[in-house]
Amino acid sequence: MRVNIIYFGLVRNKIGKKKESFELNDGSSLSDLFHDLSKKYGESIKNIFKYDKSSDIVGKKILLIFFKK
């Protein structure tokens, strides 16, 4: 499944992109997306997301995600 992501604020500054498309496996969760983005962009982005694989809770609203079939 392809998702379109629009970045804001600190995330946009760290990544250096306004938006991007990202390919996920069917059935992926938002947590899976944060995990993949953390792998792609490294520890600094992981700390912004406050990503924790054991939790589905993300503390800040920092991006918009559009799912398309």
N, C-alpha and C. Protein backbone atom coordinates (compact mmCIF):
# COMPACT_ATOMS: atom_id res chain seq x y z
N MET A 1 0.85 -1.16 0.00
CA MET A 1 0.00 0.00 0.00
C MET A 1 0.90 1.23 0.00
N ARG A 2 0.53 2.21 -0.79
CA ARG A 2 1.29 3.45 -0.87
C ARG A 2 0.64 4.50 0.03
N VAL A 3 1.47 5.18 0.83
CA VAL A 3 0.99 6.29 1.65
C VAL A 3 1.74 7.55 1.24
N ASN A 4 1.04 8.66 1.27
CA ASN A 4 1.64 9.95 1.00
C ASN A 4 1.74 10.69 2.33
N ILE A 5 2.94 11.16 2.64
CA ILE A 5 3.21 11.80 3.93
C ILE A 5 3.57 13.26 3.69
N ILE A 6 2.96 14.14 4.46
CA ILE A 6 3.32 15.56 4.44
C ILE A 6 3.94 15.88 5.80
N TYR A 7 5.18 16.36 5.79
CA TYR A 7 5.91 16.64 7.01
C TYR A 7 5.75 18.10 7.42
N PHE A 8 5.79 18.34 8.73
CA PHE A 8 5.69 19.68 9.29
C PHE A 8 6.80 19.91 10.32
N GLY A 9 7.08 21.18 10.58
CA GLY A 9 7.92 21.59 11.69
C GLY A 9 9.27 20.91 11.78
N LEU A 10 9.57 20.41 12.95
CA LEU A 10 10.86 19.82 13.26
C LEU A 10 11.16 18.62 12.36
N VAL A 11 10.15 17.81 12.08
CA VAL A 11 10.37 16.65 11.21
C VAL A 11 10.79 17.11 9.81
N ARG A 12 10.09 18.10 9.28
CA ARG A 12 10.44 18.63 7.95
C ARG A 12 11.87 19.15 7.95
N ASN A 13 12.26 19.85 9.00
CA ASN A 13 13.63 20.37 9.09
C ASN A 13 14.67 19.26 9.15
N LYS A 14 14.40 18.22 9.92
CA LYS A 14 15.35 17.11 10.07
C LYS A 14 15.47 16.30 8.78
N ILE A 15 14.33 16.01 8.15
CA ILE A 15 14.32 15.18 6.96
C ILE A 15 14.74 15.97 5.72
N GLY A 16 14.38 17.24 5.70
CA GLY A 16 14.70 18.08 4.56
C GLY A 16 13.74 17.90 3.39
N LYS A 17 12.56 17.36 3.68
CA LYS A 17 11.55 17.15 2.65
C LYS A 17 10.22 17.69 3.14
N LYS A 18 9.42 18.19 2.21
CA LYS A 18 8.06 18.62 2.53
C LYS A 18 7.10 17.44 2.55
N LYS A 19 7.33 16.51 1.60
CA LYS A 19 6.45 15.36 1.49
C LYS A 19 7.18 14.23 0.77
N GLU A 20 6.61 13.04 0.91
CA GLU A 20 7.13 11.89 0.17
C GLU A 20 6.07 10.79 0.14
N SER A 21 6.23 9.90 -0.80
CA SER A 21 5.40 8.71 -0.86
C SER A 21 6.19 7.56 -0.27
N PHE A 22 5.50 6.66 0.38
CA PHE A 22 6.16 5.55 1.06
C PHE A 22 5.35 4.29 0.81
N GLU A 23 6.03 3.20 0.50
CA GLU A 23 5.36 1.93 0.23
C GLU A 23 5.40 1.05 1.48
N LEU A 24 4.22 0.58 1.91
CA LEU A 24 4.10 -0.30 3.07
C LEU A 24 3.45 -1.61 2.64
N ASN A 25 3.71 -2.66 3.40
CA ASN A 25 3.03 -3.93 3.17
C ASN A 25 1.56 -3.79 3.55
N ASP A 26 0.69 -4.49 2.83
CA ASP A 26 -0.73 -4.50 3.19
C ASP A 26 -0.88 -4.95 4.64
N GLY A 27 -1.77 -4.31 5.37
CA GLY A 27 -2.00 -4.65 6.78
C GLY A 27 -1.04 -3.97 7.74
N SER A 28 -0.15 -3.12 7.24
CA SER A 28 0.79 -2.41 8.12
C SER A 28 0.05 -1.41 9.00
N SER A 29 0.61 -1.16 10.17
CA SER A 29 0.03 -0.21 11.11
C SER A 29 0.81 1.10 11.06
N LEU A 30 0.28 2.10 11.74
CA LEU A 30 0.98 3.38 11.87
C LEU A 30 2.31 3.17 12.58
N SER A 31 2.33 2.29 13.54
CA SER A 31 3.56 1.96 14.25
C SER A 31 4.61 1.39 13.28
N ASP A 32 4.17 0.56 12.33
CA ASP A 32 5.09 0.01 11.33
C ASP A 32 5.68 1.13 10.47
N LEU A 33 4.84 2.10 10.11
CA LEU A 33 5.33 3.23 9.32
C LEU A 33 6.38 4.01 10.09
N PHE A 34 6.14 4.31 11.36
CA PHE A 34 7.12 5.04 12.16
C PHE A 34 8.42 4.25 12.28
N HIS A 35 8.30 2.94 12.41
CA HIS A 35 9.48 2.08 12.49
C HIS A 35 10.29 2.19 11.19
N ASP A 36 9.61 2.09 10.04
CA ASP A 36 10.29 2.18 8.75
C ASP A 36 10.93 3.55 8.53
N LEU A 37 10.22 4.61 8.91
CA LEU A 37 10.78 5.96 8.77
C LEU A 37 11.99 6.13 9.68
N SER A 38 11.94 5.56 10.89
CA SER A 38 13.07 5.65 11.81
C SER A 38 14.29 4.92 11.25
N LYS A 39 14.06 3.78 10.60
CA LYS A 39 15.16 3.05 9.97
C LYS A 39 15.74 3.86 8.81
N LYS A 40 14.89 4.50 8.04
CA LYS A 40 15.34 5.25 6.87
C LYS A 40 16.11 6.51 7.25
N TYR A 41 15.62 7.24 8.28
CA TYR A 41 16.20 8.54 8.61
C TYR A 41 17.06 8.56 9.87
N GLY A 42 17.11 7.47 10.61
CA GLY A 42 18.03 7.36 11.73
C GLY A 42 17.48 7.77 13.09
N GLU A 43 18.38 7.76 14.05
CA GLU A 43 18.03 7.98 15.46
C GLU A 43 17.40 9.34 15.73
N SER A 44 17.87 10.37 15.04
CA SER A 44 17.34 11.71 15.33
C SER A 44 15.85 11.77 15.04
N ILE A 45 15.40 11.10 14.00
CA ILE A 45 13.99 11.11 13.66
C ILE A 45 13.22 10.20 14.62
N LYS A 46 13.85 9.11 15.03
CA LYS A 46 13.22 8.19 15.99
C LYS A 46 12.91 8.93 17.28
N ASN A 47 13.81 9.78 17.72
CA ASN A 47 13.59 10.53 18.95
C ASN A 47 12.46 11.55 18.81
N ILE A 48 12.31 12.13 17.62
CA ILE A 48 11.21 13.06 17.39
C ILE A 48 9.87 12.32 17.45
N PHE A 49 9.81 11.15 16.79
CA PHE A 49 8.58 10.37 16.80
C PHE A 49 8.29 9.78 18.17
N LYS A 50 9.33 9.69 19.01
CA LYS A 50 9.24 8.97 20.28
C LYS A 50 8.67 7.58 20.02
N TYR A 51 9.21 6.96 18.96
CA TYR A 51 8.76 5.66 18.51
C TYR A 51 9.13 4.59 19.52
N ASP A 52 8.17 3.75 19.85
CA ASP A 52 8.38 2.60 20.72
C ASP A 52 7.57 1.45 20.14
N LYS A 53 8.25 0.43 19.62
CA LYS A 53 7.58 -0.67 18.93
C LYS A 53 6.54 -1.35 19.82
N SER A 54 6.70 -1.30 21.14
CA SER A 54 5.75 -1.97 22.03
C SER A 54 4.50 -1.13 22.28
N SER A 55 4.47 0.08 21.76
CA SER A 55 3.35 0.98 22.00
C SER A 55 2.79 1.50 20.69
N ASP A 56 1.47 1.64 20.62
CA ASP A 56 0.85 2.24 19.44
C ASP A 56 0.59 3.72 19.64
N ILE A 57 1.08 4.28 20.74
CA ILE A 57 0.81 5.68 21.06
C ILE A 57 1.97 6.54 20.59
N VAL A 58 1.65 7.57 19.86
CA VAL A 58 2.64 8.55 19.42
C VAL A 58 2.26 9.87 20.06
N GLY A 59 3.22 10.52 20.70
CA GLY A 59 2.93 11.68 21.51
C GLY A 59 2.61 12.97 20.80
N LYS A 60 3.03 13.14 19.57
CA LYS A 60 2.84 14.43 18.90
C LYS A 60 2.27 14.22 17.51
N LYS A 61 1.45 15.17 17.08
CA LYS A 61 0.93 15.16 15.72
C LYS A 61 1.86 15.99 14.87
N ILE A 62 2.67 15.31 14.08
CA ILE A 62 3.74 16.02 13.38
C ILE A 62 3.72 15.78 11.88
N LEU A 63 2.80 14.97 11.37
CA LEU A 63 2.73 14.73 9.95
C LEU A 63 1.32 14.30 9.58
N LEU A 64 1.01 14.45 8.30
CA LEU A 64 -0.25 13.99 7.77
C LEU A 64 0.04 12.80 6.87
N ILE A 65 -0.80 11.79 6.95
CA ILE A 65 -0.62 10.59 6.13
C ILE A 65 -1.90 10.34 5.36
N PHE A 66 -1.77 10.16 4.06
CA PHE A 66 -2.91 9.87 3.21
C PHE A 66 -2.76 8.47 2.65
N PHE A 67 -3.71 7.60 2.94
CA PHE A 67 -3.68 6.24 2.44
C PHE A 67 -4.48 6.17 1.16
N LYS A 68 -3.92 5.52 0.16
CA LYS A 68 -4.60 5.38 -1.13
C LYS A 68 -4.59 3.92 -1.52
N LYS A 69 -5.70 3.45 -2.03
CA LYS A 69 -5.73 2.07 -2.55
C LYS A 69 -5.63 2.09 -4.04
